[in-house]
């Protein structure tokens, strides 16, 4: 199990704690320092059943700078923007070894991956 984690985010910290309290030993990927590749993000979006604009942090100043609200819904262009500026990726994302994934908002969403 892997968590795309931002330690400055309370939801990310809560989600990590839920995983650890459940006995999981997730690989913690600080995705701001180690951004996903376009292929990784594409696979995670598919596992989540989301499009990139559904996972984008539109309230981020960088989203406004890039004009994402006005940007055409071109999956590849959005993925490229999110990989280039990973702050745009909503967090935390938890990916199970079997390829299933959930967004840890709310943190209890991870129960789905833990068998709860």
PDB file of N, CA and C in Angstrom:
ATOM      1  N   UNK A   1       0.854  -1.169   0.000  1.00  0.00           N
ATOM      2  CA  UNK A   1       0.000   0.000   0.000  1.00  0.00           C
ATOM      3  C   UNK A   1       0.904   1.237   0.000  1.00  0.00           C
ATOM      4  N   UNK A   2       0.498   2.219  -0.779  1.00  0.00           N
ATOM      5  CA  UNK A   2       1.252   3.469  -0.881  1.00  0.00           C
ATOM      6  C   UNK A   2       0.318   4.636  -0.614  1.00  0.00           C
ATOM      7  N   UNK A   3       0.829   5.638   0.091  1.00  0.00           N
ATOM      8  CA  UNK A   3       0.072   6.876   0.296  1.00  0.00           C
ATOM      9  C   UNK A   3       0.866   8.020  -0.314  1.00  0.00           C
ATOM     10  N   UNK A   4       0.188   8.776  -1.180  1.00  0.00           N
ATOM     11  CA  UNK A   4       0.769  10.023  -1.665  1.00  0.00           C
ATOM     12  C   UNK A   4       0.470  11.041  -0.589  1.00  0.00           C
ATOM     13  N   UNK A   5       1.497  11.425   0.134  1.00  0.00           N
ATOM     14  CA  UNK A   5       1.368  12.127   1.401  1.00  0.00           C
ATOM     15  C   UNK A   5       1.997  13.512   1.362  1.00  0.00           C
ATOM     16  N   UNK A   6       1.315  14.441   2.023  1.00  0.00           N
ATOM     17  CA  UNK A   6       1.863  15.773   2.288  1.00  0.00           C
ATOM     18  C   UNK A   6       1.775  15.958   3.801  1.00  0.00           C
ATOM     19  N   UNK A   7       2.902  15.908   4.514  1.00  0.00           N
ATOM     20  CA  UNK A   7       2.858  15.994   5.966  1.00  0.00           C
ATOM     21  C   UNK A   7       2.311  17.311   6.503  1.00  0.00           C
ATOM     22  N   UNK A   8       2.212  18.322   5.672  1.00  0.00           N
ATOM     23  CA  UNK A   8       1.660  19.605   6.112  1.00  0.00           C
ATOM     24  C   UNK A   8       0.137  19.629   6.070  1.00  0.00           C
ATOM     25  N   UNK A   9      -0.461  18.588   5.501  1.00  0.00           N
ATOM     26  CA  UNK A   9      -1.915  18.508   5.332  1.00  0.00           C
ATOM     27  C   UNK A   9      -2.515  17.662   6.453  1.00  0.00           C
ATOM     28  N   UNK A  10      -3.484  18.214   7.162  1.00  0.00           N
ATOM     29  CA  UNK A  10      -4.094  17.485   8.279  1.00  0.00           C
ATOM     30  C   UNK A  10      -4.821  16.229   7.808  1.00  0.00           C
ATOM     31  N   UNK A  11      -5.518  16.282   6.682  1.00  0.00           N
ATOM     32  CA  UNK A  11      -6.225  15.096   6.175  1.00  0.00           C
ATOM     33  C   UNK A  11      -5.230  14.004   5.795  1.00  0.00           C
ATOM     34  N   UNK A  12      -4.103  14.405   5.250  1.00  0.00           N
ATOM     35  CA  UNK A  12      -3.082  13.444   4.888  1.00  0.00           C
ATOM     36  C   UNK A  12      -2.502  12.784   6.145  1.00  0.00           C
ATOM     37  N   UNK A  13      -2.237  13.579   7.165  1.00  0.00           N
ATOM     38  CA  UNK A  13      -1.728  13.027   8.431  1.00  0.00           C
ATOM     39  C   UNK A  13      -2.760  12.099   9.071  1.00  0.00           C
ATOM     40  N   UNK A  14      -4.033  12.490   9.045  1.00  0.00           N
ATOM     41  CA  UNK A  14      -5.088  11.657   9.623  1.00  0.00           C
ATOM     42  C   UNK A  14      -5.214  10.329   8.875  1.00  0.00           C
ATOM     43  N   UNK A  15      -5.130  10.395   7.567  1.00  0.00           N
ATOM     44  CA  UNK A  15      -5.239   9.187   6.757  1.00  0.00           C
ATOM     45  C   UNK A  15      -4.068   8.252   7.029  1.00  0.00           C
ATOM     46  N   UNK A  16      -2.867   8.789   7.095  1.00  0.00           N
ATOM     47  CA  UNK A  16      -1.698   7.978   7.405  1.00  0.00           C
ATOM     48  C   UNK A  16      -1.850   7.319   8.775  1.00  0.00           C
ATOM     49  N   UNK A  17      -2.335   8.059   9.756  1.00  0.00           N
ATOM     50  CA  UNK A  17      -2.535   7.509  11.099  1.00  0.00           C
ATOM     51  C   UNK A  17      -3.564   6.373  11.072  1.00  0.00           C
ATOM     52  N   UNK A  18      -4.657   6.553  10.332  1.00  0.00           N
ATOM     53  CA  UNK A  18      -5.660   5.484  10.211  1.00  0.00           C
ATOM     54  C   UNK A  18      -5.042   4.208   9.632  1.00  0.00           C
ATOM     55  N   UNK A  19      -4.227   4.377   8.617  1.00  0.00           N
ATOM     56  CA  UNK A  19      -3.567   3.218   8.007  1.00  0.00           C
ATOM     57  C   UNK A  19      -2.658   2.530   9.014  1.00  0.00           C
ATOM     58  N   UNK A  20      -1.835   3.315   9.683  1.00  0.00           N
ATOM     59  CA  UNK A  20      -0.899   2.744  10.653  1.00  0.00           C
ATOM     60  C   UNK A  20      -1.634   2.108  11.830  1.00  0.00           C
ATOM     61  N   UNK A  21      -2.688   2.761  12.316  1.00  0.00           N
ATOM     62  CA  UNK A  21      -3.468   2.205  13.429  1.00  0.00           C
ATOM     63  C   UNK A  21      -4.131   0.882  13.048  1.00  0.00           C
ATOM     64  N   UNK A  22      -4.407   0.701  11.755  1.00  0.00           N
ATOM     65  CA  UNK A  22      -5.023  -0.539  11.277  1.00  0.00           C
ATOM     66  C   UNK A  22      -3.982  -1.634  11.040  1.00  0.00           C
ATOM     67  N   UNK A  23      -2.724  -1.308  11.301  1.00  0.00           N
ATOM     68  CA  UNK A  23      -1.659  -2.289  11.135  1.00  0.00           C
ATOM     69  C   UNK A  23      -1.019  -2.299   9.763  1.00  0.00           C
ATOM     70  N   UNK A  24      -1.456  -1.399   8.896  1.00  0.00           N
ATOM     71  CA  UNK A  24      -0.844  -1.306   7.570  1.00  0.00           C
ATOM     72  C   UNK A  24       0.526  -0.633   7.714  1.00  0.00           C
ATOM     73  N   UNK A  25       1.419  -0.988   6.838  1.00  0.00           N
ATOM     74  CA  UNK A  25       2.737  -0.365   6.809  1.00  0.00           C
ATOM     75  C   UNK A  25       2.918   0.258   5.428  1.00  0.00           C
ATOM     76  N   UNK A  26       2.224   1.382   5.195  1.00  0.00           N
ATOM     77  CA  UNK A  26       2.248   1.967   3.852  1.00  0.00           C
ATOM     78  C   UNK A  26       3.605   2.555   3.482  1.00  0.00           C
ATOM     79  N   UNK A  27       3.884   2.505   2.200  1.00  0.00           N
ATOM     80  CA  UNK A  27       5.013   3.244   1.657  1.00  0.00           C
ATOM     81  C   UNK A  27       4.550   4.693   1.585  1.00  0.00           C
ATOM     82  N   UNK A  28       5.274   5.577   2.225  1.00  0.00           N
ATOM     83  CA  UNK A  28       4.901   6.985   2.253  1.00  0.00           C
ATOM     84  C   UNK A  28       5.669   7.704   1.149  1.00  0.00           C
ATOM     85  N   UNK A  29       4.915   8.184   0.184  1.00  0.00           N
ATOM     86  CA  UNK A  29       5.523   8.920  -0.928  1.00  0.00           C
ATOM     87  C   UNK A  29       5.171  10.385  -0.777  1.00  0.00           C
ATOM     88  N   UNK A  30       6.162  11.181  -0.500  1.00  0.00           N
ATOM     89  CA  UNK A  30       5.963  12.626  -0.409  1.00  0.00           C
ATOM     90  C   UNK A  30       5.895  13.151  -1.847  1.00  0.00           C
ATOM     91  N   UNK A  31       4.685  13.148  -2.359  1.00  0.00           N
ATOM     92  CA  UNK A  31       4.493  13.383  -3.786  1.00  0.00           C
ATOM     93  C   UNK A  31       4.885  14.785  -4.241  1.00  0.00           C
ATOM     94  N   UNK A  32       5.016  15.732  -3.318  1.00  0.00           N
ATOM     95  CA  UNK A  32       5.490  17.062  -3.712  1.00  0.00           C
ATOM     96  C   UNK A  32       6.982  17.026  -4.025  1.00  0.00           C
ATOM     97  N   UNK A  33       7.710  16.148  -3.326  1.00  0.00           N
ATOM     98  CA  UNK A  33       9.147  15.984  -3.549  1.00  0.00           C
ATOM     99  C   UNK A  33       9.447  14.922  -4.598  1.00  0.00           C
ATOM    100  N   UNK A  34       8.539  13.959  -4.733  1.00  0.00           N
ATOM    101  CA  UNK A  34       8.695  12.836  -5.648  1.00  0.00           C
ATOM    102  C   UNK A  34       7.395  12.689  -6.446  1.00  0.00           C
ATOM    103  N   UNK A  35       7.166  13.623  -7.390  1.00  0.00           N
ATOM    104  CA  UNK A  35       5.888  13.629  -8.114  1.00  0.00           C
ATOM    105  C   UNK A  35       5.687  12.349  -8.927  1.00  0.00           C
ATOM    106  N   UNK A  36       4.421  11.973  -9.095  1.00  0.00           N
ATOM    107  CA  UNK A  36       4.144  10.818  -9.955  1.00  0.00           C
ATOM    108  C   UNK A  36       4.471  11.161 -11.403  1.00  0.00           C
ATOM    109  N   UNK A  37       4.755  10.124 -12.164  1.00  0.00           N
ATOM    110  CA  UNK A  37       4.907  10.312 -13.602  1.00  0.00           C
ATOM    111  C   UNK A  37       3.515  10.463 -14.207  1.00  0.00           C
ATOM    112  N   UNK A  38       3.470  10.874 -15.443  1.00  0.00           N
ATOM    113  CA  UNK A  38       2.179  10.981 -16.124  1.00  0.00           C
ATOM    114  C   UNK A  38       1.488   9.611 -16.166  1.00  0.00           C
ATOM    115  N   UNK A  39       2.259   8.551 -16.408  1.00  0.00           N
ATOM    116  CA  UNK A  39       1.673   7.209 -16.460  1.00  0.00           C
ATOM    117  C   UNK A  39       1.133   6.796 -15.093  1.00  0.00           C
ATOM    118  N   UNK A  40       1.863   7.111 -14.022  1.00  0.00           N
ATOM    119  CA  UNK A  40       1.393   6.773 -12.676  1.00  0.00           C
ATOM    120  C   UNK A  40       0.112   7.521 -12.342  1.00  0.00           C
ATOM    121  N   UNK A  41       0.092   8.815 -12.645  1.00  0.00           N
ATOM    122  CA  UNK A  41      -1.095   9.612 -12.353  1.00  0.00           C
ATOM    123  C   UNK A  41      -2.281   9.129 -13.178  1.00  0.00           C
ATOM    124  N   UNK A  42      -2.050   8.812 -14.434  1.00  0.00           N
ATOM    125  CA  UNK A  42      -3.116   8.294 -15.288  1.00  0.00           C
ATOM    126  C   UNK A  42      -3.686   6.999 -14.703  1.00  0.00           C
ATOM    127  N   UNK A  43      -2.817   6.085 -14.261  1.00  0.00           N
ATOM    128  CA  UNK A  43      -3.267   4.819 -13.690  1.00  0.00           C
ATOM    129  C   UNK A  43      -4.057   5.043 -12.402  1.00  0.00           C
ATOM    130  N   UNK A  44      -3.602   5.970 -11.569  1.00  0.00           N
ATOM    131  CA  UNK A  44      -4.302   6.255 -10.313  1.00  0.00           C
ATOM    132  C   UNK A  44      -5.661   6.883 -10.598  1.00  0.00           C
ATOM    133  N   UNK A  45      -5.716   7.790 -11.547  1.00  0.00           N
ATOM    134  CA  UNK A  45      -6.997   8.396 -11.910  1.00  0.00           C
ATOM    135  C   UNK A  45      -7.980   7.324 -12.386  1.00  0.00           C
ATOM    136  N   UNK A  46      -7.488   6.384 -13.174  1.00  0.00           N
ATOM    137  CA  UNK A  46      -8.336   5.292 -13.647  1.00  0.00           C
ATOM    138  C   UNK A  46      -8.821   4.459 -12.470  1.00  0.00           C
ATOM    139  N   UNK A  47      -7.923   4.146 -11.544  1.00  0.00           N
ATOM    140  CA  UNK A  47      -8.307   3.354 -10.360  1.00  0.00           C
ATOM    141  C   UNK A  47      -9.318   4.100  -9.499  1.00  0.00           C
ATOM    142  N   UNK A  48      -9.180   5.419  -9.427  1.00  0.00           N
ATOM    143  CA  UNK A  48     -10.113   6.234  -8.646  1.00  0.00           C
ATOM    144  C   UNK A  48     -11.442   6.435  -9.372  1.00  0.00           C
ATOM    145  N   UNK A  49     -11.440   6.230 -10.689  1.00  0.00           N
ATOM    146  CA  UNK A  49     -12.640   6.494 -11.485  1.00  0.00           C
ATOM    147  C   UNK A  49     -12.868   7.982 -11.664  1.00  0.00           C
ATOM    148  N   UNK A  50     -11.760   8.740 -11.703  1.00  0.00           N
ATOM    149  CA  UNK A  50     -11.847  10.200 -11.815  1.00  0.00           C
ATOM    150  C   UNK A  50     -11.089  10.691 -13.035  1.00  0.00           C
ATOM    151  N   UNK A  51     -11.450  11.883 -13.448  1.00  0.00           N
ATOM    152  CA  UNK A  51     -10.685  12.612 -14.450  1.00  0.00           C
ATOM    153  C   UNK A  51      -9.746  13.562 -13.710  1.00  0.00           C
ATOM    154  N   UNK A  52      -8.691  14.014 -14.354  1.00  0.00           N
ATOM    155  CA  UNK A  52      -7.733  14.869 -13.644  1.00  0.00           C
ATOM    156  C   UNK A  52      -8.363  16.140 -13.070  1.00  0.00           C
ATOM    157  N   UNK A  53      -9.312  16.721 -13.779  1.00  0.00           N
ATOM    158  CA  UNK A  53      -9.952  17.939 -13.270  1.00  0.00           C
ATOM    159  C   UNK A  53     -10.791  17.663 -12.029  1.00  0.00           C
ATOM    160  N   UNK A  54     -11.157  16.387 -11.807  1.00  0.00           N
ATOM    161  CA  UNK A  54     -11.891  16.013 -10.596  1.00  0.00           C
ATOM    162  C   UNK A  54     -10.960  15.857  -9.398  1.00  0.00           C
ATOM    163  N   UNK A  55      -9.672  15.670  -9.651  1.00  0.00           N
ATOM    164  CA  UNK A  55      -8.682  15.459  -8.593  1.00  0.00           C
ATOM    165  C   UNK A  55      -7.807  16.694  -8.391  1.00  0.00           C
ATOM    166  N   UNK A  56      -8.081  17.735  -9.146  1.00  0.00           N
ATOM    167  CA  UNK A  56      -7.255  18.940  -9.070  1.00  0.00           C
ATOM    168  C   UNK A  56      -7.677  19.835  -7.905  1.00  0.00           C
ATOM    169  N   UNK A  57      -6.677  20.409  -7.271  1.00  0.00           N
ATOM    170  CA  UNK A  57      -6.906  21.362  -6.184  1.00  0.00           C
ATOM    171  C   UNK A  57      -7.090  22.749  -6.819  1.00  0.00           C
ATOM    172  N   UNK A  58      -8.321  23.050  -7.171  1.00  0.00           N
ATOM    173  CA  UNK A  58      -8.611  24.280  -7.908  1.00  0.00           C
ATOM    174  C   UNK A  58      -8.441  25.538  -7.060  1.00  0.00           C
ATOM    175  N   UNK A  59      -8.413  25.390  -5.738  1.00  0.00           N
ATOM    176  CA  UNK A  59      -8.230  26.539  -4.867  1.00  0.00           C
ATOM    177  C   UNK A  59      -6.776  26.963  -4.709  1.00  0.00           C
ATOM    178  N   UNK A  60      -5.864  26.158  -5.238  1.00  0.00           N
ATOM    179  CA  UNK A  60      -4.442  26.491  -5.150  1.00  0.00           C
ATOM    180  C   UNK A  60      -4.134  27.705  -6.017  1.00  0.00           C
ATOM    181  N   UNK A  61      -3.298  28.617  -5.507  1.00  0.00           N
ATOM    182  CA  UNK A  61      -2.893  29.767  -6.327  1.00  0.00           C
ATOM    183  C   UNK A  61      -2.319  29.349  -7.684  1.00  0.00           C
ATOM    184  N   UNK A  62      -1.588  28.232  -7.716  1.00  0.00           N
ATOM    185  CA  UNK A  62      -0.998  27.774  -8.978  1.00  0.00           C
ATOM    186  C   UNK A  62      -2.076  27.414 -10.001  1.00  0.00           C
ATOM    187  N   UNK A  63      -3.197  26.881  -9.547  1.00  0.00           N
ATOM    188  CA  UNK A  63      -4.302  26.560 -10.456  1.00  0.00           C
ATOM    189  C   UNK A  63      -4.828  27.831 -11.107  1.00  0.00           C
ATOM    190  N   UNK A  64      -4.920  28.880 -10.311  1.00  0.00           N
ATOM    191  CA  UNK A  64      -5.379  30.162 -10.853  1.00  0.00           C
ATOM    192  C   UNK A  64      -4.353  30.734 -11.831  1.00  0.00           C
ATOM    193  N   UNK A  65      -3.058  30.648 -11.460  1.00  0.00           N
ATOM    194  CA  UNK A  65      -1.988  31.147 -12.339  1.00  0.00           C
ATOM    195  C   UNK A  65      -2.021  30.445 -13.695  1.00  0.00           C
ATOM    196  N   UNK A  66      -2.292  29.141 -13.674  1.00  0.00           N
ATOM    197  CA  UNK A  66      -2.323  28.364 -14.917  1.00  0.00           C
ATOM    198  C   UNK A  66      -3.639  28.495 -15.671  1.00  0.00           C
ATOM    199  N   UNK A  67      -4.635  29.127 -15.046  1.00  0.00           N
ATOM    200  CA  UNK A  67      -5.935  29.277 -15.681  1.00  0.00           C
ATOM    201  C   UNK A  67      -6.662  27.953 -15.857  1.00  0.00           C
ATOM    202  N   UNK A  68      -6.510  27.044 -14.884  1.00  0.00           N
ATOM    203  CA  UNK A  68      -7.120  25.724 -15.027  1.00  0.00           C
ATOM    204  C   UNK A  68      -8.635  25.770 -15.157  1.00  0.00           C
ATOM    205  N   UNK A  69      -9.274  26.732 -14.511  1.00  0.00           N
ATOM    206  CA  UNK A  69     -10.740  26.800 -14.602  1.00  0.00           C
ATOM    207  C   UNK A  69     -11.207  26.997 -16.041  1.00  0.00           C
ATOM    208  N   UNK A  70     -10.388  27.671 -16.831  1.00  0.00           N
ATOM    209  CA  UNK A  70     -10.756  27.929 -18.226  1.00  0.00           C
ATOM    210  C   UNK A  70     -10.158  26.898 -19.189  1.00  0.00           C
ATOM    211  N   UNK A  71      -9.326  26.009 -18.663  1.00  0.00           N
ATOM    212  CA  UNK A  71      -8.620  25.068 -19.522  1.00  0.00           C
ATOM    213  C   UNK A  71      -9.571  23.994 -20.052  1.00  0.00           C
ATOM    214  N   UNK A  72      -9.413  23.688 -21.328  1.00  0.00           N
ATOM    215  CA  UNK A  72     -10.199  22.632 -21.972  1.00  0.00           C
ATOM    216  C   UNK A  72      -9.975  21.310 -21.231  1.00  0.00           C
ATOM    217  N   UNK A  73     -10.997  20.485 -21.188  1.00  0.00           N
ATOM    218  CA  UNK A  73     -10.880  19.196 -20.508  1.00  0.00           C
ATOM    219  C   UNK A  73     -10.169  18.196 -21.411  1.00  0.00           C
ATOM    220  N   UNK A  74      -8.877  18.387 -21.526  1.00  0.00           N
ATOM    221  CA  UNK A  74      -7.989  17.504 -22.276  1.00  0.00           C
ATOM    222  C   UNK A  74      -7.206  16.709 -21.233  1.00  0.00           C
ATOM    223  N   UNK A  75      -7.538  15.425 -21.101  1.00  0.00           N
ATOM    224  CA  UNK A  75      -6.964  14.595 -20.035  1.00  0.00           C
ATOM    225  C   UNK A  75      -5.434  14.676 -20.005  1.00  0.00           C
ATOM    226  N   UNK A  76      -4.802  14.540 -21.145  1.00  0.00           N
ATOM    227  CA  UNK A  76      -3.338  14.567 -21.209  1.00  0.00           C
ATOM    228  C   UNK A  76      -2.753  15.890 -20.763  1.00  0.00           C
ATOM    229  N   UNK A  77      -3.359  16.985 -21.176  1.00  0.00           N
ATOM    230  CA  UNK A  77      -2.859  18.313 -20.789  1.00  0.00           C
ATOM    231  C   UNK A  77      -2.999  18.531 -19.289  1.00  0.00           C
ATOM    232  N   UNK A  78      -4.106  18.081 -18.721  1.00  0.00           N
ATOM    233  CA  UNK A  78      -4.314  18.217 -17.279  1.00  0.00           C
ATOM    234  C   UNK A  78      -3.320  17.360 -16.512  1.00  0.00           C
ATOM    235  N   UNK A  79      -3.115  16.135 -16.960  1.00  0.00           N
ATOM    236  CA  UNK A  79      -2.147  15.257 -16.297  1.00  0.00           C
ATOM    237  C   UNK A  79      -0.765  15.888 -16.350  1.00  0.00           C
ATOM    238  N   UNK A  80      -0.387  16.404 -17.506  1.00  0.00           N
ATOM    239  CA  UNK A  80       0.923  17.056 -17.640  1.00  0.00           C
ATOM    240  C   UNK A  80       1.050  18.226 -16.668  1.00  0.00           C
ATOM    241  N   UNK A  81      -0.001  19.029 -16.541  1.00  0.00           N
ATOM    242  CA  UNK A  81       0.030  20.173 -15.629  1.00  0.00           C
ATOM    243  C   UNK A  81       0.178  19.720 -14.185  1.00  0.00           C
ATOM    244  N   UNK A  82      -0.507  18.643 -13.824  1.00  0.00           N
ATOM    245  CA  UNK A  82      -0.474  18.155 -12.443  1.00  0.00           C
ATOM    246  C   UNK A  82       0.866  17.501 -12.113  1.00  0.00           C
ATOM    247  N   UNK A  83       1.479  16.842 -13.079  1.00  0.00           N
ATOM    248  CA  UNK A  83       2.797  16.249 -12.864  1.00  0.00           C
ATOM    249  C   UNK A  83       3.848  17.355 -12.732  1.00  0.00           C
ATOM    250  N   UNK A  84       3.712  18.403 -13.544  1.00  0.00           N
ATOM    251  CA  UNK A  84       4.661  19.519 -13.487  1.00  0.00           C
ATOM    252  C   UNK A  84       4.529  20.310 -12.184  1.00  0.00           C
ATOM    253  N   UNK A  85       3.307  20.391 -11.658  1.00  0.00           N
ATOM    254  CA  UNK A  85       3.017  21.123 -10.416  1.00  0.00           C
ATOM    255  C   UNK A  85       2.206  20.218  -9.500  1.00  0.00           C
ATOM    256  N   UNK A  86       2.850  19.274  -8.810  1.00  0.00           N
ATOM    257  CA  UNK A  86       2.099  18.285  -8.030  1.00  0.00           C
ATOM    258  C   UNK A  86       1.267  18.877  -6.892  1.00  0.00           C
ATOM    259  N   UNK A  87       1.491  20.142  -6.541  1.00  0.00           N
ATOM    260  CA  UNK A  87       0.643  20.786  -5.532  1.00  0.00           C
ATOM    261  C   UNK A  87      -0.811  20.795  -6.005  1.00  0.00           C
ATOM    262  N   UNK A  88      -1.019  20.629  -7.307  1.00  0.00           N
ATOM    263  CA  UNK A  88      -2.364  20.620  -7.874  1.00  0.00           C
ATOM    264  C   UNK A  88      -3.106  19.317  -7.625  1.00  0.00           C
ATOM    265  N   UNK A  89      -2.404  18.269  -7.166  1.00  0.00           N
ATOM    266  CA  UNK A  89      -3.028  16.967  -6.941  1.00  0.00           C
ATOM    267  C   UNK A  89      -3.649  16.941  -5.549  1.00  0.00           C
ATOM    268  N   UNK A  90      -4.940  16.640  -5.499  1.00  0.00           N
ATOM    269  CA  UNK A  90      -5.626  16.505  -4.208  1.00  0.00           C
ATOM    270  C   UNK A  90      -4.970  15.394  -3.417  1.00  0.00           C
ATOM    271  N   UNK A  91      -4.926  15.553  -2.125  1.00  0.00           N
ATOM    272  CA  UNK A  91      -4.282  14.564  -1.270  1.00  0.00           C
ATOM    273  C   UNK A  91      -5.167  14.242  -0.087  1.00  0.00           C
ATOM    274  N   UNK A  92      -4.845  13.126   0.515  1.00  0.00           N
ATOM    275  CA  UNK A  92      -3.910  12.073   0.124  1.00  0.00           C
ATOM    276  C   UNK A  92      -4.590  11.057  -0.792  1.00  0.00           C
ATOM    277  N   UNK A  93      -3.788  10.422  -1.599  1.00  0.00           N
ATOM    278  CA  UNK A  93      -4.260   9.311  -2.416  1.00  0.00           C
ATOM    279  C   UNK A  93      -3.619   8.053  -1.846  1.00  0.00           C
ATOM    280  N   UNK A  94      -4.413   7.019  -1.654  1.00  0.00           N
ATOM    281  CA  UNK A  94      -3.906   5.751  -1.139  1.00  0.00           C
ATOM    282  C   UNK A  94      -4.137   4.684  -2.204  1.00  0.00           C
ATOM    283  N   UNK A  95      -3.064   3.964  -2.523  1.00  0.00           N
ATOM    284  CA  UNK A  95      -3.111   2.958  -3.569  1.00  0.00           C
ATOM    285  C   UNK A  95      -2.774   1.597  -2.950  1.00  0.00           C
ATOM    286  N   UNK A  96      -3.671   0.656  -3.097  1.00  0.00           N
ATOM    287  CA  UNK A  96      -3.449  -0.695  -2.578  1.00  0.00           C
ATOM    288  C   UNK A  96      -2.568  -1.475  -3.545  1.00  0.00           C
ATOM    289  N   UNK A  97      -1.946  -2.530  -3.041  1.00  0.00           N
ATOM    290  CA  UNK A  97      -1.063  -3.365  -3.862  1.00  0.00           C
ATOM    291  C   UNK A  97      -1.807  -3.983  -5.049  1.00  0.00           C
ATOM    292  N   UNK A  98      -3.118  -4.176  -4.903  1.00  0.00           N
ATOM    293  CA  UNK A  98      -3.904  -4.775  -5.993  1.00  0.00           C
ATOM    294  C   UNK A  98      -4.366  -3.753  -7.029  1.00  0.00           C
ATOM    295  N   UNK A  99      -3.930  -2.488  -6.866  1.00  0.00           N
ATOM    296  CA  UNK A  99      -4.252  -1.454  -7.847  1.00  0.00           C
ATOM    297  C   UNK A  99      -5.461  -0.608  -7.514  1.00  0.00           C
ATOM    298  N   UNK A 100      -6.248  -1.017  -6.500  1.00  0.00           N
ATOM    299  CA  UNK A 100      -7.371  -0.173  -6.103  1.00  0.00           C
ATOM    300  C   UNK A 100      -6.819   1.098  -5.451  1.00  0.00           C
ATOM    301  N   UNK A 101      -7.594   2.170  -5.520  1.00  0.00           N
ATOM    302  CA  UNK A 101      -7.154   3.436  -4.941  1.00  0.00           C
ATOM    303  C   UNK A 101      -8.344   4.200  -4.387  1.00  0.00           C
ATOM    304  N   UNK A 102      -8.070   5.009  -3.367  1.00  0.00           N
ATOM    305  CA  UNK A 102      -9.082   5.899  -2.809  1.00  0.00           C
ATOM    306  C   UNK A 102      -8.430   7.235  -2.502  1.00  0.00           C
ATOM    307  N   UNK A 103      -9.265   8.256  -2.484  1.00  0.00           N
ATOM    308  CA  UNK A 103      -8.848   9.570  -2.030  1.00  0.00           C
ATOM    309  C   UNK A 103      -9.168   9.630  -0.546  1.00  0.00           C
ATOM    310  N   UNK A 104      -8.195   9.983   0.260  1.00  0.00           N
ATOM    311  CA  UNK A 104      -8.378  10.025   1.711  1.00  0.00           C
ATOM    312  C   UNK A 104      -9.083  11.275   2.186  1.00  0.00           C
ATOM    313  N   UNK A 105     -10.131  11.649   1.521  1.00  0.00           N
ATOM    314  CA  UNK A 105     -10.977  12.783   1.911  1.00  0.00           C
ATOM    315  C   UNK A 105     -12.407  12.307   1.835  1.00  0.00           C
ATOM    316  N   UNK A 106     -13.009  11.959   2.931  1.00  0.00           N
ATOM    317  CA  UNK A 106     -12.483  11.976   4.291  1.00  0.00           C
ATOM    318  C   UNK A 106     -11.528  10.807   4.516  1.00  0.00           C
ATOM    319  N   UNK A 107     -10.696  10.908   5.567  1.00  0.00           N
ATOM    320  CA  UNK A 107      -9.722   9.849   5.839  1.00  0.00           C
ATOM    321  C   UNK A 107     -10.334   8.458   5.938  1.00  0.00           C
ATOM    322  N   UNK A 108     -11.575   8.364   6.390  1.00  0.00           N
ATOM    323  CA  UNK A 108     -12.232   7.065   6.551  1.00  0.00           C
ATOM    324  C   UNK A 108     -12.427   6.335   5.232  1.00  0.00           C
ATOM    325  N   UNK A 109     -12.239   7.011   4.102  1.00  0.00           N
ATOM    326  CA  UNK A 109     -12.343   6.336   2.804  1.00  0.00           C
ATOM    327  C   UNK A 109     -11.370   5.165   2.707  1.00  0.00           C
ATOM    328  N   UNK A 110     -10.267   5.220   3.478  1.00  0.00           N
ATOM    329  CA  UNK A 110      -9.279   4.144   3.386  1.00  0.00           C
ATOM    330  C   UNK A 110      -9.808   2.834   3.952  1.00  0.00           C
ATOM    331  N   UNK A 111     -10.886   2.883   4.728  1.00  0.00           N
ATOM    332  CA  UNK A 111     -11.480   1.649   5.251  1.00  0.00           C
ATOM    333  C   UNK A 111     -11.819   0.691   4.122  1.00  0.00           C
ATOM    334  N   UNK A 112     -12.194   1.238   2.970  1.00  0.00           N
ATOM    335  CA  UNK A 112     -12.517   0.425   1.796  1.00  0.00           C
ATOM    336  C   UNK A 112     -11.344  -0.451   1.372  1.00  0.00           C
ATOM    337  N   UNK A 113     -10.128   0.086   1.497  1.00  0.00           N
ATOM    338  CA  UNK A 113      -8.940  -0.669   1.131  1.00  0.00           C
ATOM    339  C   UNK A 113      -8.479  -1.606   2.229  1.00  0.00           C
ATOM    340  N   UNK A 114      -8.900  -1.312   3.450  1.00  0.00           N
ATOM    341  CA  UNK A 114      -8.470  -2.101   4.608  1.00  0.00           C
ATOM    342  C   UNK A 114      -9.449  -3.234   4.907  1.00  0.00           C
ATOM    343  N   UNK A 115     -10.481  -3.351   4.087  1.00  0.00           N
ATOM    344  CA  UNK A 115     -11.458  -4.417   4.291  1.00  0.00           C
ATOM    345  C   UNK A 115     -12.548  -4.052   5.253  1.00  0.00           C
ATOM    346  N   UNK A 116     -12.634  -2.736   5.593  1.00  0.00           N
ATOM    347  CA  UNK A 116     -13.654  -2.300   6.558  1.00  0.00           C
ATOM    348  C   UNK A 116     -14.919  -1.844   5.907  1.00  0.00           C
TER     349      UNK A 116
END
